[in-house]
Amino acid sequence: VQLQASGGGTVQVGDSLRPSCAASGRAFSTSVMGWFRQAPGKERQFVAGISVRGWNMEYADSVKGRFTVSRDNAKNTVYLQMNSLEPEDTAVYYCAARLSLGIRTMVNAYNYWGQGTLVTVSS
């Protein structure tokens, strides 16, 4: 699975963004998908995950109620709708694919990674 993230940018506090991640290969429709982020000088951390059919989602506490993960298996794409953005959301956002079942929050549980898209929230 090859992943290509896009849709980052620079926004103001309270604005919204919707990064997307396009996947190549048939394995996308059988993969759990995750979004992670990495701020400068910090470790990569889990943001959101979505099950194979999109029936189950999990979120980090810091984004619950503000971010929504979704997927379109017909388009091989996963999305991250980010609302009410805060300066603390500034990071490079990565999408990742997990070949095993079950949403996981650990970086090493995912098999494939996209190149990341930068989100900057200015106050």
C-alpha atoms as a PDB file:
ATOM      1  CA  VAL A   1       0.000   0.000   0.000  1.00  0.00           C
ATOM      2  CA  GLN A   2       1.337   3.394  -0.979  1.00  0.00           C
ATOM      3  CA  LEU A   3      -0.143   6.387   0.823  1.00  0.00           C
ATOM      4  CA  GLN A   4      -0.169  10.023  -0.247  1.00  0.00           C
ATOM      5  CA  ALA A   5      -1.387  12.605   2.244  1.00  0.00           C
ATOM      6  CA  SER A   6      -2.457  16.088   1.224  1.00  0.00           C
ATOM      7  CA  GLY A   7      -4.637  18.951   2.358  1.00  0.00           C
ATOM      8  CA  GLY A   8      -2.558  20.496   5.089  1.00  0.00           C
ATOM      9  CA  GLY A   9      -1.954  24.207   5.296  1.00  0.00           C
ATOM     10  CA  THR A  10      -1.742  27.275   7.492  1.00  0.00           C
ATOM     11  CA  VAL A  11      -4.921  28.403   9.199  1.00  0.00           C
ATOM     12  CA  GLN A  12      -6.072  30.591  12.064  1.00  0.00           C
ATOM     13  CA  VAL A  13      -7.296  29.441  15.452  1.00  0.00           C
ATOM     14  CA  GLY A  14     -10.848  28.125  15.165  1.00  0.00           C
ATOM     15  CA  ASP A  15     -10.598  27.329  11.463  1.00  0.00           C
ATOM     16  CA  SER A  16     -11.092  23.946   9.812  1.00  0.00           C
ATOM     17  CA  LEU A  17      -9.069  21.724   7.519  1.00  0.00           C
ATOM     18  CA  ARG A  18      -9.736  18.395   5.888  1.00  0.00           C
ATOM     19  CA  PRO A  19      -6.571  16.510   5.018  1.00  0.00           C
ATOM     20  CA  SER A  20      -6.989  13.411   2.894  1.00  0.00           C
ATOM     21  CA  CYS A  21      -4.885  10.361   2.223  1.00  0.00           C
ATOM     22  CA  ALA A  22      -5.087   8.531  -1.083  1.00  0.00           C
ATOM     23  CA  ALA A  23      -3.957   4.929  -1.235  1.00  0.00           C
ATOM     24  CA  SER A  24      -2.851   2.767  -4.104  1.00  0.00           C
ATOM     25  CA  GLY A  25      -3.295  -0.968  -4.094  1.00  0.00           C
ATOM     26  CA  ARG A  26      -6.166  -3.271  -3.278  1.00  0.00           C
ATOM     27  CA  ALA A  27      -5.072  -3.719   0.337  1.00  0.00           C
ATOM     28  CA  PHE A  28      -6.612  -0.367   1.305  1.00  0.00           C
ATOM     29  CA  SER A  29     -10.125  -1.796   1.495  1.00  0.00           C
ATOM     30  CA  THR A  30      -8.949  -4.429   3.982  1.00  0.00           C
ATOM     31  CA  SER A  31      -6.730  -2.151   6.073  1.00  0.00           C
ATOM     32  CA  VAL A  32      -7.412  -0.319   9.290  1.00  0.00           C
ATOM     33  CA  MET A  33      -6.401   3.291   8.709  1.00  0.00           C
ATOM     34  CA  GLY A  34      -4.902   5.690  11.205  1.00  0.00           C
ATOM     35  CA  TRP A  35      -3.927   9.326  11.429  1.00  0.00           C
ATOM     36  CA  PHE A  36      -0.943  10.339  13.523  1.00  0.00           C
ATOM     37  CA  ARG A  37       0.809  13.634  14.076  1.00  0.00           C
ATOM     38  CA  GLN A  38       4.246  14.758  15.051  1.00  0.00           C
ATOM     39  CA  ALA A  39       5.017  18.188  16.392  1.00  0.00           C
ATOM     40  CA  PRO A  40       8.579  19.571  16.348  1.00  0.00           C
ATOM     41  CA  GLY A  41      10.696  17.912  19.002  1.00  0.00           C
ATOM     42  CA  LYS A  42       7.961  15.492  19.995  1.00  0.00           C
ATOM     43  CA  GLU A  43       7.170  11.861  19.340  1.00  0.00           C
ATOM     44  CA  ARG A  44       4.654  10.799  16.754  1.00  0.00           C
ATOM     45  CA  GLN A  45       1.269  10.291  18.397  1.00  0.00           C
ATOM     46  CA  PHE A  46      -2.035   8.718  17.503  1.00  0.00           C
ATOM     47  CA  VAL A  47      -4.830  11.072  16.459  1.00  0.00           C
ATOM     48  CA  ALA A  48      -7.616   8.926  15.019  1.00  0.00           C
ATOM     49  CA  GLY A  49      -8.281   5.503  13.568  1.00  0.00           C
ATOM     50  CA  ILE A  50     -11.018   3.913  11.520  1.00  0.00           C
ATOM     51  CA  SER A  51     -11.913   0.289  10.968  1.00  0.00           C
ATOM     52  CA  VAL A  52     -11.909  -1.482   7.625  1.00  0.00           C
ATOM     53  CA  ARG A  53     -15.548  -0.771   6.784  1.00  0.00           C
ATOM     54  CA  GLY A  54     -15.676   2.545   8.606  1.00  0.00           C
ATOM     55  CA  TRP A  55     -18.030   1.336  11.293  1.00  0.00           C
ATOM     56  CA  ASN A  56     -15.700   1.975  14.225  1.00  0.00           C
ATOM     57  CA  MET A  57     -13.538   4.994  15.009  1.00  0.00           C
ATOM     58  CA  GLU A  58     -11.224   5.924  17.841  1.00  0.00           C
ATOM     59  CA  TYR A  59      -9.794   9.289  18.763  1.00  0.00           C
ATOM     60  CA  ALA A  60      -7.135  10.724  20.990  1.00  0.00           C
ATOM     61  CA  ASP A  61      -8.650  12.578  23.930  1.00  0.00           C
ATOM     62  CA  SER A  62      -7.109  15.828  22.717  1.00  0.00           C
ATOM     63  CA  VAL A  63      -9.145  15.806  19.485  1.00  0.00           C
ATOM     64  CA  LYS A  64     -12.429  14.196  20.545  1.00  0.00           C
ATOM     65  CA  GLY A  65     -15.384  16.317  19.533  1.00  0.00           C
ATOM     66  CA  ARG A  66     -13.276  18.360  17.089  1.00  0.00           C
ATOM     67  CA  PHE A  67     -11.862  15.835  14.613  1.00  0.00           C
ATOM     68  CA  THR A  68     -13.716  13.242  12.558  1.00  0.00           C
ATOM     69  CA  VAL A  69     -12.093  10.430  10.599  1.00  0.00           C
ATOM     70  CA  SER A  70     -13.873   8.875   7.616  1.00  0.00           C
ATOM     71  CA  ARG A  71     -13.058   6.728   4.624  1.00  0.00           C
ATOM     72  CA  ASP A  72     -14.325   6.040   1.138  1.00  0.00           C
ATOM     73  CA  ASN A  73     -13.219   2.572   0.093  1.00  0.00           C
ATOM     74  CA  ALA A  74     -14.489   3.121  -3.444  1.00  0.00           C
ATOM     75  CA  LYS A  75     -12.017   5.990  -3.764  1.00  0.00           C
ATOM     76  CA  ASN A  76      -9.244   4.411  -1.687  1.00  0.00           C
ATOM     77  CA  THR A  77      -9.175   7.529   0.443  1.00  0.00           C
ATOM     78  CA  VAL A  78      -9.307   8.351   4.136  1.00  0.00           C
ATOM     79  CA  TYR A  79     -10.115  11.805   5.479  1.00  0.00           C
ATOM     80  CA  LEU A  80      -9.569  13.735   8.679  1.00  0.00           C
ATOM     81  CA  GLN A  81     -12.021  16.574   9.226  1.00  0.00           C
ATOM     82  CA  MET A  82     -10.429  18.952  11.704  1.00  0.00           C
ATOM     83  CA  ASN A  83     -12.588  21.665  13.258  1.00  0.00           C
ATOM     84  CA  SER A  84     -11.935  24.279  15.922  1.00  0.00           C
ATOM     85  CA  LEU A  85      -8.226  24.056  15.336  1.00  0.00           C
ATOM     86  CA  GLU A  86      -5.873  25.165  18.097  1.00  0.00           C
ATOM     87  CA  PRO A  87      -2.175  26.089  18.051  1.00  0.00           C
ATOM     88  CA  GLU A  88      -1.490  22.783  19.814  1.00  0.00           C
ATOM     89  CA  ASP A  89      -2.720  20.980  16.680  1.00  0.00           C
ATOM     90  CA  THR A  90       0.258  22.262  14.717  1.00  0.00           C
ATOM     91  CA  ALA A  91       2.179  19.239  13.454  1.00  0.00           C
ATOM     92  CA  VAL A  92       2.959  17.078  10.474  1.00  0.00           C
ATOM     93  CA  TYR A  93       0.014  14.740   9.987  1.00  0.00           C
ATOM     94  CA  TYR A  94       0.633  11.232   8.738  1.00  0.00           C
ATOM     95  CA  CYS A  95      -1.761   8.580   7.520  1.00  0.00           C
ATOM     96  CA  ALA A  96      -0.957   4.931   8.085  1.00  0.00           C
ATOM     97  CA  ALA A  97      -2.351   1.556   7.117  1.00  0.00           C
ATOM     98  CA  ARG A  98      -2.572  -1.468   9.360  1.00  0.00           C
ATOM     99  CA  LEU A  99      -2.999  -4.888   7.753  1.00  0.00           C
ATOM    100  CA  SER A 100      -4.239  -6.599  10.908  1.00  0.00           C
ATOM    101  CA  LEU A 101      -7.717  -6.097  12.344  1.00  0.00           C
ATOM    102  CA  GLY A 102      -8.450  -3.692  15.154  1.00  0.00           C
ATOM    103  CA  ILE A 103      -7.663  -0.028  15.587  1.00  0.00           C
ATOM    104  CA  ARG A 104      -4.417   0.467  17.474  1.00  0.00           C
ATOM    105  CA  THR A 105      -2.821   3.620  18.835  1.00  0.00           C
ATOM    106  CA  MET A 106       0.808   2.533  18.674  1.00  0.00           C
ATOM    107  CA  VAL A 107       3.033   3.651  15.823  1.00  0.00           C
ATOM    108  CA  ASN A 108       4.584   0.216  15.399  1.00  0.00           C
ATOM    109  CA  ALA A 109       1.167  -1.397  14.879  1.00  0.00           C
ATOM    110  CA  TYR A 110       0.931   0.142  11.401  1.00  0.00           C
ATOM    111  CA  ASN A 111       2.608  -1.330   8.336  1.00  0.00           C
ATOM    112  CA  TYR A 112       2.583   1.501   5.793  1.00  0.00           C
ATOM    113  CA  TRP A 113       2.994   5.244   6.126  1.00  0.00           C
ATOM    114  CA  GLY A 114       2.390   8.277   3.956  1.00  0.00           C
ATOM    115  CA  GLN A 115       4.854  11.137   3.685  1.00  0.00           C
ATOM    116  CA  GLY A 116       2.923  13.562   5.901  1.00  0.00           C
ATOM    117  CA  THR A 117       1.223  16.889   5.405  1.00  0.00           C
ATOM    118  CA  LEU A 118       1.987  19.969   7.498  1.00  0.00           C
ATOM    119  CA  VAL A 119      -0.747  21.698   9.455  1.00  0.00           C
ATOM    120  CA  THR A 120       0.069  25.021  11.066  1.00  0.00           C
ATOM    121  CA  VAL A 121      -2.421  26.808  13.296  1.00  0.00           C
ATOM    122  CA  SER A 122      -1.542  30.389  14.079  1.00  0.00           C
ATOM    123  CA  SER A 123      -3.031  32.478  16.867  1.00  0.00           C
END
